[in-house]
Protein backbone atom coordinates (compact mmCIF):
# COMPACT_ATOMS: atom_id res chain seq x y z
CA UNK A 1 87.09 -94.33 164.42
CA UNK A 2 83.66 -93.44 165.87
CA UNK A 3 80.65 -93.86 163.59
CA UNK A 4 79.91 -90.16 163.92
CA UNK A 5 83.41 -89.39 162.62
CA UNK A 6 82.74 -91.50 159.52
CA UNK A 7 79.44 -89.71 158.87
CA UNK A 8 81.09 -86.31 159.27
CA UNK A 9 83.89 -87.22 156.87
CA UNK A 10 81.38 -88.38 154.25
CA UNK A 11 79.31 -85.20 154.60
CA UNK A 12 82.40 -83.04 154.41
CA UNK A 13 83.54 -84.69 151.17
CA UNK A 14 80.09 -84.70 149.53
CA UNK A 15 78.80 -81.83 147.43
CA UNK A 16 76.16 -79.97 149.43
CA UNK A 17 73.28 -80.58 147.06
CA UNK A 18 74.34 -83.96 145.76
CA UNK A 19 71.38 -85.47 147.60
CA UNK A 20 68.22 -84.15 149.22
CA UNK A 21 68.75 -81.28 151.65
CA UNK A 22 66.54 -83.04 154.19
CA UNK A 23 68.80 -86.10 154.17
CA UNK A 24 71.85 -83.88 154.65
CA UNK A 25 70.23 -82.28 157.70
CA UNK A 26 69.08 -85.65 159.06
CA UNK A 27 72.56 -87.13 158.76
CA UNK A 28 74.03 -84.20 160.69
CA UNK A 29 71.37 -84.53 163.40
CA UNK A 30 72.07 -88.24 163.79
CA UNK A 31 75.83 -87.67 163.85
CA UNK A 32 75.46 -84.99 166.53
CA UNK A 33 73.13 -87.19 168.58
CA UNK A 34 75.52 -90.13 168.41
CA UNK A 35 78.53 -87.95 169.14
CA UNK A 36 76.92 -86.48 172.26
CA UNK A 37 75.70 -89.88 173.42
CA UNK A 38 79.20 -91.30 173.19
CA UNK A 39 80.50 -88.43 175.27
CA UNK A 40 77.80 -88.95 177.91
CA UNK A 41 78.41 -92.69 177.99
CA UNK A 42 82.09 -92.13 178.59
CA UNK A 43 81.44 -89.63 181.38
CA UNK A 44 78.75 -91.72 183.10
CA UNK A 45 80.58 -95.04 182.85
CA UNK A 46 83.71 -93.52 184.32
CA UNK A 47 81.64 -92.15 187.21
CA UNK A 48 79.97 -95.51 187.84
CA UNK A 49 83.33 -97.26 187.71
CA UNK A 50 84.85 -94.86 190.23
CA UNK A 51 81.99 -95.54 192.67
CA UNK A 52 82.59 -99.32 192.32
CA UNK A 53 83.02 -101.43 195.46
CA UNK A 54 80.05 -103.75 195.19
CA UNK A 55 78.10 -105.72 192.63
CA UNK A 56 74.67 -104.43 191.63
CA UNK A 57 71.74 -105.86 189.76
CA UNK A 58 71.39 -104.94 186.10
CA UNK A 59 68.15 -103.05 186.75
CA UNK A 60 69.90 -100.92 189.37
CA UNK A 61 72.78 -100.15 187.04
CA UNK A 62 70.37 -99.11 184.29
CA UNK A 63 68.56 -96.82 186.71
CA UNK A 64 71.80 -95.18 187.83
CA UNK A 65 72.93 -94.89 184.22
CA UNK A 66 69.76 -93.06 183.18
CA UNK A 67 69.97 -90.69 186.16
CA UNK A 68 73.58 -89.82 185.42
CA UNK A 69 72.82 -89.27 181.72
CA UNK A 70 69.97 -86.93 182.60
CA UNK A 71 72.36 -84.80 184.68
CA UNK A 72 75.17 -84.86 182.13
CA UNK A 73 75.89 -81.86 179.90
CA UNK A 74 78.64 -83.57 177.96
CA UNK A 75 79.25 -82.35 174.41
CA UNK A 76 80.68 -84.60 171.73
CA UNK A 77 84.24 -84.13 170.56
CA UNK A 78 83.02 -83.56 166.99
CA UNK A 79 80.64 -80.71 167.86
CA UNK A 80 82.83 -78.10 166.18
CA UNK A 81 83.03 -80.09 162.95
CA UNK A 82 79.25 -80.60 162.94
CA UNK A 83 78.63 -76.89 163.49
CA UNK A 84 80.93 -76.11 160.57
CA UNK A 85 79.00 -78.47 158.31
CA UNK A 86 75.70 -76.92 159.35
CA UNK A 87 77.01 -73.50 158.36
CA UNK A 88 77.44 -74.69 154.77
CA UNK A 89 73.69 -74.85 154.21
CA UNK A 90 72.38 -71.81 152.33
CA UNK A 91 69.71 -69.61 153.87
CA UNK A 92 66.84 -68.15 151.84
CA UNK A 93 66.93 -64.44 151.16
CA UNK A 94 64.25 -62.25 149.66
CA UNK A 95 65.09 -61.01 146.20
CA UNK A 96 63.21 -58.97 143.68
CA UNK A 97 61.71 -61.28 141.07
CA UNK A 98 61.84 -60.30 137.41
CA UNK A 99 59.94 -63.32 136.18
CA UNK A 100 56.52 -63.57 134.58
CA UNK A 101 53.78 -63.71 137.22
CA UNK A 102 52.76 -67.36 137.59
CA UNK A 103 49.17 -68.51 137.79
CA UNK A 104 49.84 -70.62 140.90
CA UNK A 105 49.29 -69.51 144.49
CA UNK A 106 51.89 -67.57 146.43
CA UNK A 107 52.85 -70.67 148.41
CA UNK A 108 53.88 -72.44 145.20
CA UNK A 109 55.95 -69.62 143.74
CA UNK A 110 59.63 -70.24 143.17
CA UNK A 111 62.00 -68.67 145.66
CA UNK A 112 65.51 -67.89 144.50
CA UNK A 113 68.10 -68.90 147.07
CA UNK A 114 71.38 -67.20 147.78
CA UNK A 115 74.06 -69.87 147.46
CA UNK A 116 77.72 -69.59 148.30
CA UNK A 117 79.83 -69.82 145.13
CA UNK A 118 81.57 -72.96 146.34
CA UNK A 119 78.31 -74.96 146.40
CA UNK A 120 78.01 -77.63 143.73
CA UNK A 121 75.15 -78.20 141.33
CA UNK A 122 73.58 -81.66 141.91
CA UNK A 123 73.21 -82.33 138.18
CA UNK A 124 76.56 -81.39 136.70
CA UNK A 125 78.70 -81.07 139.81
CA UNK A 126 79.94 -77.63 138.81
CA UNK A 127 79.73 -74.40 140.80
CA UNK A 128 76.29 -72.85 141.21
CA UNK A 129 76.66 -69.41 139.63
CA UNK A 130 73.00 -68.58 138.93
CA UNK A 131 70.94 -70.39 141.60
CA UNK A 132 67.36 -71.47 141.05
CA UNK A 133 65.35 -73.57 143.48
CA UNK A 134 62.63 -76.10 142.64
CA UNK A 135 59.35 -75.26 144.33
CA UNK A 136 58.48 -78.97 144.51
CA UNK A 137 61.55 -80.66 145.95
CA UNK A 138 63.66 -77.78 147.29
CA UNK A 139 66.83 -78.68 145.40
CA UNK A 140 68.98 -75.78 144.27
CA UNK A 141 70.47 -75.88 140.76
CA UNK A 142 72.63 -73.76 138.54
CA UNK A 143 70.20 -72.36 135.95
CA UNK A 144 72.48 -72.95 132.96
CA UNK A 145 73.34 -76.51 134.00
CA UNK A 146 69.69 -77.36 134.56
CA UNK A 147 68.68 -75.97 131.18
CA UNK A 148 71.22 -78.22 129.50
CA UNK A 149 69.30 -81.25 130.77
CA UNK A 150 65.90 -80.08 129.56
CA UNK A 151 64.62 -82.27 126.76
CA UNK A 152 61.28 -82.76 125.03
CA UNK A 153 59.95 -85.74 126.89
CA UNK A 154 56.31 -85.40 127.77
CA UNK A 155 56.00 -89.10 128.67
CA UNK A 156 58.03 -88.66 131.86
CA UNK A 157 56.45 -85.43 132.95
CA UNK A 158 53.97 -86.95 135.38
CA UNK A 159 56.52 -89.41 136.77
CA UNK A 160 59.26 -86.96 137.68
CA UNK A 161 57.68 -83.53 138.13
CA UNK A 162 58.48 -83.37 141.81
CA UNK A 163 62.26 -83.58 141.59
CA UNK A 164 64.42 -82.81 138.52
CA UNK A 165 67.51 -84.31 140.18
CA UNK A 166 65.93 -87.74 140.60
CA UNK A 167 65.20 -88.03 136.90
CA UNK A 168 67.29 -85.41 135.14
CA UNK A 169 68.87 -88.08 132.96
CA UNK A 170 65.55 -89.02 131.39
CA UNK A 171 64.93 -85.49 130.14
CA UNK A 172 62.30 -82.84 130.85
CA UNK A 173 60.19 -80.79 128.47
CA UNK A 174 60.68 -77.05 128.05
CA UNK A 175 57.04 -76.49 129.02
CA UNK A 176 57.68 -78.38 132.23
CA UNK A 177 60.73 -76.24 132.95
CA UNK A 178 58.54 -73.15 132.76
CA UNK A 179 56.14 -74.70 135.29
CA UNK A 180 58.87 -75.67 137.73
CA UNK A 181 60.97 -72.55 137.63
CA UNK A 182 60.21 -68.87 137.63
CA UNK A 183 62.06 -67.55 134.60
CA UNK A 184 61.66 -64.47 132.40
CA UNK A 185 59.78 -65.01 129.16
CA UNK A 186 62.92 -64.07 127.23
CA UNK A 187 64.61 -67.17 128.64
CA UNK A 188 61.56 -69.42 128.52
CA UNK A 189 60.88 -68.85 124.85
CA UNK A 190 64.36 -69.96 123.80
CA UNK A 191 64.68 -73.08 125.97
CA UNK A 192 63.21 -75.44 123.39
CA UNK A 193 65.03 -74.00 120.39
CA UNK A 194 68.43 -73.93 122.07
CA UNK A 195 68.36 -77.06 124.22
CA UNK A 196 66.15 -79.71 122.68
CA UNK A 197 67.73 -79.48 119.25
CA UNK A 198 71.51 -79.84 119.31
CA UNK A 199 71.65 -79.37 115.55
CA UNK A 200 75.42 -78.94 115.32
CA UNK A 201 75.28 -82.45 113.87
CA UNK A 202 72.94 -82.63 110.89
CA UNK A 203 71.05 -85.93 111.03
CA UNK A 204 69.34 -86.75 107.76
CA UNK A 205 68.83 -90.41 108.59
CA UNK A 206 69.66 -92.53 111.62
CA UNK A 207 70.17 -96.25 111.01
CA UNK A 208 70.82 -98.60 113.94
CA UNK A 209 72.05 -102.20 114.03
CA UNK A 210 72.43 -104.15 117.27
CA UNK A 211 71.09 -106.61 119.82
CA UNK A 212 69.01 -106.40 123.00
CA UNK A 213 70.73 -103.17 124.03
CA UNK A 214 69.39 -101.41 120.92
CA UNK A 215 66.01 -103.05 120.30
CA UNK A 216 63.28 -100.42 120.72
CA UNK A 217 60.47 -102.78 119.73
CA UNK A 218 57.07 -101.79 118.45
CA UNK A 219 56.88 -98.88 120.91
CA UNK A 220 59.30 -96.76 118.89
CA UNK A 221 58.32 -93.97 116.52
CA UNK A 222 59.59 -94.66 113.01
CA UNK A 223 60.61 -97.87 111.28
CA UNK A 224 61.52 -100.52 113.82
CA UNK A 225 62.25 -104.19 113.18
CA UNK A 226 62.85 -105.49 116.68
CA UNK A 227 60.83 -107.41 119.25
CA UNK A 228 60.49 -105.24 122.34
CA UNK A 229 62.19 -102.70 124.53
CA UNK A 230 64.33 -104.32 127.18
CA UNK A 231 64.05 -101.39 129.56
CA UNK A 232 61.60 -99.48 131.73
CA UNK A 233 61.40 -96.63 129.22
CA UNK A 234 62.99 -95.34 126.07
CA UNK A 235 66.39 -96.68 125.06
CA UNK A 236 69.44 -94.95 123.63
CA UNK A 237 68.49 -94.98 119.87
CA UNK A 238 65.20 -93.26 120.69
CA UNK A 239 66.92 -90.64 122.82
CA UNK A 240 69.57 -90.02 120.14
CA UNK A 241 66.90 -89.61 117.47
CA UNK A 242 65.01 -87.15 119.66
CA UNK A 243 68.12 -85.16 120.57
CA UNK A 244 69.30 -84.88 116.97
CA UNK A 245 65.81 -84.48 115.48
CA UNK A 246 66.67 -86.86 112.64
CA UNK A 247 64.61 -86.66 109.46
CA UNK A 248 64.49 -90.47 109.20
CA UNK A 249 64.92 -93.18 111.82
CA UNK A 250 65.34 -96.89 111.05
CA UNK A 251 66.20 -99.40 113.77
CA UNK A 252 67.14 -102.91 112.65
CA UNK A 253 68.23 -104.17 116.08
CA UNK A 254 66.73 -107.42 117.40
CA UNK A 255 66.81 -108.71 120.96
CA UNK A 256 68.93 -111.86 121.24
CA UNK A 257 70.98 -111.08 118.13
CA UNK A 258 74.38 -112.73 117.87
CA UNK A 259 77.31 -111.28 115.92
CA UNK A 260 76.52 -113.67 113.05
CA UNK A 261 73.26 -114.15 111.14
CA UNK A 262 71.83 -116.17 114.04
CA UNK A 263 69.78 -115.17 117.04
CA UNK A 264 69.60 -116.68 120.51
CA UNK A 265 66.06 -117.77 119.66
CA UNK A 266 66.40 -118.49 115.92
CA UNK A 267 68.98 -119.76 113.44
CA UNK A 268 69.72 -117.89 110.23
CA UNK A 269 67.66 -114.83 111.06
CA UNK A 270 67.91 -111.46 112.85
CA UNK A 271 71.58 -111.66 113.93
CA UNK A 272 73.62 -108.45 113.59
CA UNK A 273 75.34 -109.67 110.40
CA UNK A 274 71.92 -110.62 109.03
CA UNK A 275 70.59 -107.13 109.84
CA UNK A 276 73.40 -105.48 107.92
CA UNK A 277 73.10 -107.83 104.95
CA UNK A 278 69.34 -107.44 104.71
CA UNK A 279 69.48 -103.65 104.92
CA UNK A 280 72.23 -103.37 102.31
CA UNK A 281 70.35 -105.67 99.94
CA UNK A 282 67.64 -103.03 99.80
CA UNK A 283 70.06 -100.08 99.80
CA UNK A 284 72.86 -100.87 97.35
CA UNK A 285 74.26 -97.36 97.75
CA UNK A 286 73.82 -95.24 100.85
CA UNK A 287 73.37 -91.74 99.48
CA UNK A 288 73.29 -88.47 101.34
CA UNK A 289 74.79 -88.16 104.82
CA UNK A 290 73.48 -91.15 106.79
CA UNK A 291 74.35 -91.71 110.42
CA UNK A 292 74.84 -95.43 110.98
CA UNK A 293 75.30 -96.55 114.58
CA UNK A 294 76.65 -100.08 114.69
CA UNK A 295 76.22 -101.64 118.12
CA UNK A 296 78.47 -104.64 117.82
CA UNK A 297 77.00 -108.05 118.58
CA UNK A 298 78.87 -110.72 120.51
CA UNK A 299 77.63 -110.63 124.08
CA UNK A 300 74.92 -113.19 123.29
CA UNK A 301 77.55 -115.36 121.57
CA UNK A 302 79.60 -115.46 124.75
CA UNK A 303 76.58 -116.09 126.95
CA UNK A 304 75.65 -119.11 124.84
CA UNK A 305 79.02 -120.81 125.16
CA UNK A 306 81.38 -119.21 122.64
CA UNK A 307 84.79 -119.55 124.29
CA UNK A 308 86.93 -117.71 121.76
CA UNK A 309 86.72 -114.18 120.35
CA UNK A 310 88.00 -115.12 116.88
CA UNK A 311 84.64 -115.83 115.26
CA UNK A 312 82.92 -112.85 116.87
CA UNK A 313 85.70 -110.48 115.77
CA UNK A 314 85.54 -111.85 112.21
CA UNK A 315 81.78 -111.28 112.09
CA UNK A 316 82.14 -107.73 113.36
CA UNK A 317 84.93 -106.93 110.92
CA UNK A 318 82.90 -108.28 107.97
CA UNK A 319 79.85 -106.22 108.94
CA UNK A 320 81.87 -103.01 109.28
CA UNK A 321 83.51 -103.64 105.91
CA UNK A 322 80.13 -104.25 104.26
CA UNK A 323 78.78 -101.00 105.66
CA UNK A 324 81.76 -98.79 104.82
CA UNK A 325 82.19 -99.97 101.24
CA UNK A 326 78.54 -99.10 100.55
CA UNK A 327 78.73 -95.58 101.99
CA UNK A 328 79.77 -92.68 99.77
CA UNK A 329 79.73 -90.25 102.68
CA UNK A 330 78.27 -89.90 106.13
CA UNK A 331 79.09 -91.15 109.61
CA UNK A 332 79.67 -94.64 110.98
CA UNK A 333 79.54 -94.72 114.77
CA UNK A 334 80.71 -98.02 116.28
CA UNK A 335 79.84 -99.02 119.85
CA UNK A 336 81.98 -101.53 121.73
CA UNK A 337 80.64 -104.61 123.46
CA UNK A 338 79.13 -103.99 126.88
CA UNK A 339 80.64 -106.04 129.70
CA UNK A 340 77.70 -107.49 131.64
CA UNK A 341 79.91 -109.22 134.18
CA UNK A 342 78.55 -107.10 137.02
CA UNK A 343 74.88 -107.46 136.03
CA UNK A 344 72.46 -109.09 138.50
CA UNK A 345 72.06 -112.06 136.14
CA UNK A 346 75.75 -112.89 136.22
CA UNK A 347 76.03 -112.29 139.95
CA UNK A 348 73.18 -114.70 140.62
CA UNK A 349 74.48 -117.42 138.28
CA UNK A 350 76.23 -120.56 139.45
CA UNK A 351 80.00 -120.11 139.54
CA UNK A 352 79.41 -116.41 138.99
CA UNK A 353 83.04 -115.47 139.64
CA UNK A 354 84.29 -117.71 136.83
CA UNK A 355 81.54 -116.52 134.49
CA UNK A 356 82.28 -112.90 135.30
CA UNK A 357 85.98 -113.38 134.59
CA UNK A 358 85.37 -115.25 131.34
CA UNK A 359 82.93 -112.66 130.02
CA UNK A 360 85.22 -109.81 131.01
CA UNK A 361 88.20 -111.33 129.23
CA UNK A 362 86.26 -112.12 126.04
CA UNK A 363 84.63 -108.69 125.90
CA UNK A 364 87.97 -106.95 126.53
CA UNK A 365 89.68 -108.97 123.79
CA UNK A 366 86.89 -108.23 121.33
CA UNK A 367 87.02 -104.51 122.10
CA UNK A 368 90.80 -104.46 121.58
CA UNK A 369 90.26 -105.96 118.12
CA UNK A 370 87.62 -103.33 117.47
CA UNK A 371 90.25 -100.65 117.95
CA UNK A 372 92.41 -102.39 115.37
CA UNK A 373 89.50 -102.72 112.94
CA UNK A 374 88.78 -99.01 113.15
CA UNK A 375 92.18 -97.39 113.76
CA UNK A 376 94.83 -99.66 112.21
CA UNK A 377 97.27 -97.49 110.24
CA UNK A 378 97.19 -99.77 107.21
CA UNK A 379 93.95 -101.76 107.21
CA UNK A 380 91.75 -99.78 109.61
CA UNK A 381 88.39 -98.51 108.40
CA UNK A 382 89.39 -94.89 108.91
CA UNK A 383 92.48 -95.40 106.78
CA UNK A 384 90.65 -97.26 104.01
CA UNK A 385 87.67 -94.91 103.86
CA UNK A 386 88.97 -91.39 104.58
CA UNK A 387 85.86 -89.71 103.18
CA UNK A 388 83.75 -91.20 105.94
CA UNK A 389 83.55 -89.94 109.49
CA UNK A 390 84.17 -93.03 111.61
CA UNK A 391 84.12 -93.02 115.40
CA UNK A 392 84.54 -95.82 117.97
CA UNK A 393 83.03 -95.34 121.42
CA UNK A 394 83.84 -97.54 124.40
CA UNK A 395 80.47 -97.59 126.12
CA UNK A 396 81.64 -99.34 129.29
CA UNK A 397 82.95 -96.23 131.13
CA UNK A 398 79.80 -94.33 130.17
CA UNK A 399 77.52 -97.06 131.51
CA UNK A 400 79.58 -97.54 134.67
CA UNK A 401 79.46 -93.84 135.47
CA UNK A 402 75.70 -93.71 134.88
CA UNK A 403 75.21 -96.67 137.22
CA UNK A 404 77.53 -95.34 139.89
CA UNK A 405 74.83 -93.79 142.10
CA UNK A 406 72.15 -96.39 141.32
CA UNK A 407 71.30 -99.79 142.76
CA UNK A 408 73.18 -102.14 140.43
CA UNK A 409 73.05 -105.26 142.59
CA UNK A 410 69.47 -106.19 141.80
CA UNK A 411 66.88 -105.35 139.13
CA UNK A 412 63.82 -103.28 139.89
CA UNK A 413 60.70 -105.14 140.99
CA UNK A 414 57.21 -104.01 141.93
CA UNK A 415 57.06 -106.80 144.52
CA UNK A 416 58.49 -104.64 147.25
CA UNK A 417 56.70 -103.27 150.30
CA UNK A 418 58.57 -99.96 150.04
CA UNK A 419 58.03 -99.35 146.32
CA UNK A 420 57.16 -95.77 145.36
CA UNK A 421 56.15 -94.17 142.02
CA UNK A 422 59.73 -93.14 141.27
CA UNK A 423 61.52 -96.09 142.88
CA UNK A 424 62.20 -97.58 139.47
CA UNK A 425 64.53 -94.70 138.66
CA UNK A 426 66.90 -95.65 141.44
CA UNK A 427 67.87 -98.90 139.74
CA UNK A 428 70.61 -99.44 137.17
CA UNK A 429 69.02 -102.54 135.67
CA UNK A 430 65.56 -103.10 134.25
CA UNK A 431 65.96 -106.86 134.54
CA UNK A 432 68.80 -109.32 135.10
CA UNK A 433 70.77 -108.14 132.06
CA UNK A 434 69.44 -104.93 130.54
CA UNK A 435 70.08 -101.36 131.74
CA UNK A 436 67.34 -98.98 132.84
CA UNK A 437 66.22 -96.00 130.79
CA UNK A 438 68.35 -93.64 132.91
CA UNK A 439 71.48 -95.49 131.81
CA UNK A 440 70.27 -95.47 128.20
CA UNK A 441 69.83 -91.71 128.39
CA UNK A 442 73.37 -91.21 129.65
CA UNK A 443 74.67 -93.34 126.77
CA UNK A 444 72.64 -91.32 124.27
CA UNK A 445 74.02 -88.07 125.66
CA UNK A 446 77.58 -89.29 125.22
CA UNK A 447 76.89 -90.43 121.65
CA UNK A 448 75.43 -87.04 120.75
CA UNK A 449 78.35 -85.26 122.40
CA UNK A 450 80.83 -87.34 120.39
CA UNK A 451 78.92 -86.67 117.17
CA UNK A 452 78.98 -82.94 117.79
CA UNK A 453 82.76 -83.10 118.21
CA UNK A 454 83.33 -84.78 114.84
């Protein structure tokens, strides 16, 4: 298969606005150029071969080759397919605007683009029914889909204002939406109330237990007991708290926590079991409707040499039992272990293949036991405590999907000649082990979605 054929197949199978429009056009131009060059090469080489008869110096052959190419009008065999792909691109049309007059110059005003119904939204992948185009980056979105990704997040405003698609997972403020897109005041005024507060789930208090994946450090708003964020921005507990607008937020997670009372750095302190015990010592009865998210420990245990899942499973089961027997009502949301077998740290380790296999097997076995702990028909937590809303979420598919379009082979680094202000948001990992804030946001969205379905 020619290279141009491969490019054309990829473009044909890719949603039109899945990437930048400029890149789409550039890929087509390169494919057409290569396709035509192949056709010319074939025509010219056949002509040179037919002349034959005597050997010539390389310089002479090159000269004849260039002359023949200049005379050739050969068209590539894929020209029809390329023309068809070009026709998919929408063309701007003038429409009467009903939006509030912006204070910016005419050159910066938003232009609505007519988009064929089959075109896909780059954020959600669905059909674009109500097109709106960013005046900064030129991407075309479905208005409803874009609004669903608007979040109150002033911190990222300066970093991502040029392109919602590049950072949609980190959230955008409603005020920023009004700046980017020309929308009637009747829509603008309800963006914040309808999109930044998914209050279908009433969150009186959010309590988090976990390890490095859940530690929001001293940067977090509210009561935090951890060491530091292990990411390039906010992590999932912070996003969940913001999405649900919880009245109270307490995060007991510590980086390096094992499933027991121990920590990678300390013995007898800050492990996940220790976090639960310490919290329950000060809260003998959990009144009201608390939301407890229990991010199970165990990954650190396996990284530090634990070769069997028995002890880790026992620690997890004891912690869940201690939590549930103290709750009168409310929600316990359990997160499975995250398989870090494909992380840059594991890939770079000695005997990485064996380590990856061992971690994968131990994590999978632990997660299977988690299903038993929660769902067993006789001794499962849901069976023993029917008044509680208990949910188990396998976070691995969520994380894998979030990382799918990102660079997951290496962590982000500033020591790169091609680094740009938003380069960090193209990476799945903040460091050798811990996911980036984009991945954390995707996880938070799934947690909130699951809570709203309870």
